[in-house]
């Protein structure tokens, strides 16, 4: 399936796990909660959960497709009937800067600017080295001292690992991966197909 190819990398964690992951699992293991970063309402009629990688071109593309589809359906669905959640799935074997970019997004979240940093990272996917991350934080007006301290101490590594673990438990092997109302989206990455899936999920 096209939606399963992602950035063509299987993610392997260097941690000991006692459970076996079902690669054919099409259900979301960790349900949406207030712990997530969400645009829209958590109790919306249709809730997207996307596992993405800031250094993965297709992750950025899918995020933009979802935004376009949501905008086009907002008039008929209403502002509060669509929700979007982003979870981290950095693929460190092929994207050396993805994990640190995810940490930068979380450090920005601690200062109330997750989505602003999220957008910035996807726009500047080819420039995710540490110096650029500080530049983006500065552009957003973040407390740079706090931002750097959070990164240097690895404050958000556990949260990112929890996102990865939840993705693996949901059968995710590569980013991007998308779930709509808890069911894995396995169709083509086009605005039309995503819009059709939104409409179907609402009925």
Protein backbone atom coordinates (compact mmCIF):
# COMPACT_ATOMS: atom_id res chain seq x y z
CA UNK A 1 0.00 0.00 0.00
CA UNK A 2 1.23 3.49 -0.82
CA UNK A 3 0.44 4.81 2.64
CA UNK A 4 2.64 2.16 4.24
CA UNK A 5 5.85 2.96 2.35
CA UNK A 6 6.64 6.14 4.26
CA UNK A 7 10.28 7.11 3.98
CA UNK A 8 11.09 3.44 3.30
CA UNK A 9 12.71 2.72 6.63
CA UNK A 10 11.93 0.31 9.40
CA UNK A 11 12.45 1.91 12.79
CA UNK A 12 14.42 -0.10 15.31
CA UNK A 13 14.77 1.12 18.87
CA UNK A 14 17.91 0.34 20.81
CA UNK A 15 15.86 -0.67 23.82
CA UNK A 16 14.83 -4.03 25.19
CA UNK A 17 11.20 -4.86 24.47
CA UNK A 18 9.33 -7.90 25.72
CA UNK A 19 6.40 -7.58 23.35
CA UNK A 20 5.96 -8.48 19.72
CA UNK A 21 4.54 -5.85 17.40
CA UNK A 22 1.86 -6.79 14.90
CA UNK A 23 2.98 -5.29 11.60
CA UNK A 24 -0.49 -5.89 10.18
CA UNK A 25 -2.24 -4.06 13.00
CA UNK A 26 -4.55 -1.39 11.59
CA UNK A 27 -5.81 0.03 14.89
CA UNK A 28 -4.42 2.84 17.03
CA UNK A 29 -2.97 1.38 20.23
CA UNK A 30 -2.70 4.63 22.23
CA UNK A 31 -6.00 6.56 22.03
CA UNK A 32 -6.04 10.37 21.65
CA UNK A 33 -5.82 12.23 24.96
CA UNK A 34 -5.12 15.64 26.45
CA UNK A 35 -1.46 14.54 26.61
CA UNK A 36 -1.31 14.89 22.82
CA UNK A 37 -0.65 17.98 20.75
CA UNK A 38 -3.97 18.63 19.05
CA UNK A 39 -5.42 21.14 16.62
CA UNK A 40 -9.19 21.26 16.84
CA UNK A 41 -11.26 19.31 19.35
CA UNK A 42 -10.29 16.06 21.05
CA UNK A 43 -13.95 14.96 20.90
CA UNK A 44 -14.37 15.94 17.24
CA UNK A 45 -16.40 13.70 14.93
CA UNK A 46 -13.22 12.93 12.97
CA UNK A 47 -9.81 12.83 14.66
CA UNK A 48 -6.58 12.29 12.75
CA UNK A 49 -3.51 10.90 14.49
CA UNK A 50 -0.36 11.23 12.42
CA UNK A 51 3.02 9.69 13.23
CA UNK A 52 5.62 11.83 11.49
CA UNK A 53 9.30 12.61 11.11
CA UNK A 54 10.42 16.23 10.65
CA UNK A 55 13.21 15.23 8.28
CA UNK A 56 10.95 13.05 6.12
CA UNK A 57 9.70 14.78 2.97
CA UNK A 58 6.60 12.62 2.76
CA UNK A 59 5.66 13.43 6.37
CA UNK A 60 5.64 17.12 5.49
CA UNK A 61 3.66 16.44 2.33
CA UNK A 62 1.01 14.39 4.14
CA UNK A 63 0.69 17.05 6.86
CA UNK A 64 0.01 19.66 4.17
CA UNK A 65 -2.51 17.38 2.42
CA UNK A 66 -4.41 16.92 5.68
CA UNK A 67 -4.44 20.68 6.26
CA UNK A 68 -5.83 21.32 2.77
CA UNK A 69 -8.46 18.59 3.11
CA UNK A 70 -9.48 19.94 6.51
CA UNK A 71 -9.78 23.49 5.22
CA UNK A 72 -11.94 22.37 2.32
CA UNK A 73 -14.29 20.42 4.57
CA UNK A 74 -14.36 22.90 7.45
CA UNK A 75 -17.35 24.77 6.01
CA UNK A 76 -19.51 21.66 5.79
CA UNK A 77 -18.16 19.92 8.90
CA UNK A 78 -17.81 22.87 11.23
CA UNK A 79 -14.78 24.12 13.13
CA UNK A 80 -15.04 21.63 15.98
CA UNK A 81 -15.76 18.45 14.03
CA UNK A 82 -12.18 17.84 12.88
CA UNK A 83 -9.22 17.20 15.14
CA UNK A 84 -5.57 16.63 14.24
CA UNK A 85 -2.93 15.09 16.49
CA UNK A 86 0.77 14.85 15.68
CA UNK A 87 3.00 12.25 17.29
CA UNK A 88 6.74 11.86 16.82
CA UNK A 89 8.24 8.98 14.84
CA UNK A 90 11.82 10.04 14.02
CA UNK A 91 13.64 7.54 11.82
CA UNK A 92 17.16 7.98 13.10
CA UNK A 93 18.72 5.40 10.79
CA UNK A 94 18.09 7.60 7.75
CA UNK A 95 17.36 11.01 9.30
CA UNK A 96 20.12 12.00 11.73
CA UNK A 97 18.48 15.30 12.72
CA UNK A 98 14.89 14.08 13.14
CA UNK A 99 15.06 13.23 16.84
CA UNK A 100 16.65 16.52 17.83
CA UNK A 101 14.05 18.35 15.73
CA UNK A 102 11.33 16.50 17.66
CA UNK A 103 12.98 17.59 20.91
CA UNK A 104 12.98 21.18 19.64
CA UNK A 105 9.25 20.95 18.94
CA UNK A 106 8.65 19.71 22.49
CA UNK A 107 10.88 22.42 23.97
CA UNK A 108 8.80 24.96 22.03
CA UNK A 109 5.61 23.28 23.31
CA UNK A 110 6.79 23.91 26.88
CA UNK A 111 6.66 27.62 25.98
CA UNK A 112 3.27 27.37 24.27
CA UNK A 113 4.55 27.28 20.70
CA UNK A 114 4.43 23.66 19.56
CA UNK A 115 2.48 24.22 16.36
CA UNK A 116 4.52 27.26 15.37
CA UNK A 117 7.75 25.27 15.72
CA UNK A 118 6.11 22.25 14.07
CA UNK A 119 5.36 24.34 10.98
CA UNK A 120 8.84 25.86 11.00
CA UNK A 121 10.52 22.45 11.09
CA UNK A 122 8.51 21.08 8.19
CA UNK A 123 9.14 24.22 6.12
CA UNK A 124 12.91 24.00 6.73
CA UNK A 125 13.39 20.23 6.56
CA UNK A 126 16.83 20.49 5.00
CA UNK A 127 18.08 22.77 7.79
CA UNK A 128 17.62 20.96 11.10
CA UNK A 129 21.09 21.14 12.61
CA UNK A 130 21.33 22.55 16.14
CA UNK A 131 22.22 26.07 15.02
CA UNK A 132 19.13 26.26 12.84
CA UNK A 133 16.91 24.99 15.66
CA UNK A 134 18.13 27.83 17.87
CA UNK A 135 17.47 30.27 15.02
CA UNK A 136 13.88 29.04 14.71
CA UNK A 137 13.38 29.31 18.47
CA UNK A 138 14.68 32.86 18.30
CA UNK A 139 12.30 33.71 15.46
CA UNK A 140 9.41 32.48 17.58
CA UNK A 141 10.50 34.65 20.48
CA UNK A 142 11.20 31.71 22.80
CA UNK A 143 13.31 31.94 25.93
CA UNK A 144 16.53 30.72 24.30
CA UNK A 145 18.26 29.92 27.58
CA UNK A 146 15.40 27.64 28.63
CA UNK A 147 15.15 26.15 25.14
CA UNK A 148 18.86 25.24 25.10
CA UNK A 149 18.74 23.90 28.64
CA UNK A 150 15.81 21.62 27.76
CA UNK A 151 17.66 20.28 24.72
CA UNK A 152 20.96 19.75 26.49
CA UNK A 153 19.28 17.87 29.35
CA UNK A 154 17.20 15.69 27.02
CA UNK A 155 14.06 16.67 28.90
CA UNK A 156 11.69 15.39 26.21
CA UNK A 157 13.46 12.21 25.08
CA UNK A 158 11.10 10.01 27.10
CA UNK A 159 8.03 11.61 25.57
CA UNK A 160 9.37 11.11 22.06
CA UNK A 161 10.26 7.50 22.84
CA UNK A 162 6.73 6.98 24.17
CA UNK A 163 5.33 8.26 20.86
CA UNK A 164 7.59 5.86 18.94
CA UNK A 165 6.62 2.97 21.21
CA UNK A 166 2.91 3.72 20.73
CA UNK A 167 3.44 3.85 16.98
CA UNK A 168 5.20 0.49 16.96
CA UNK A 169 2.38 -1.01 19.02
CA UNK A 170 -0.01 0.28 16.37
CA UNK A 171 1.91 -1.47 13.59
CA UNK A 172 3.77 1.62 12.38
CA UNK A 173 7.12 0.83 10.78
CA UNK A 174 7.84 4.06 8.95
CA UNK A 175 6.66 7.65 8.81
CA UNK A 176 4.28 9.00 7.82
CA UNK A 177 1.48 6.87 9.24
CA UNK A 178 -2.05 8.14 9.62
CA UNK A 179 -5.01 6.95 11.68
CA UNK A 180 -8.54 8.29 11.25
CA UNK A 181 -10.80 7.67 14.24
CA UNK A 182 -8.36 5.01 15.38
CA UNK A 183 -8.21 3.09 12.09
CA UNK A 184 -5.09 3.07 9.91
CA UNK A 185 -5.44 5.01 6.66
CA UNK A 186 -4.10 2.82 3.86
CA UNK A 187 -5.21 4.63 0.74
CA UNK A 188 -3.39 7.01 -1.60
CA UNK A 189 -1.83 10.22 -0.32
CA UNK A 190 -4.07 12.66 -2.20
CA UNK A 191 -6.35 15.44 -0.99
CA UNK A 192 -9.32 13.78 -2.68
CA UNK A 193 -8.76 10.40 -1.02
CA UNK A 194 -8.17 11.95 2.40
CA UNK A 195 -11.33 14.06 2.03
CA UNK A 196 -13.28 10.92 1.09
CA UNK A 197 -11.90 9.18 4.19
CA UNK A 198 -12.96 12.12 6.39
CA UNK A 199 -16.48 12.02 5.00
CA UNK A 200 -16.67 8.24 5.44
CA UNK A 201 -15.45 8.45 9.01
CA UNK A 202 -18.14 10.98 9.84
CA UNK A 203 -20.95 8.57 8.94
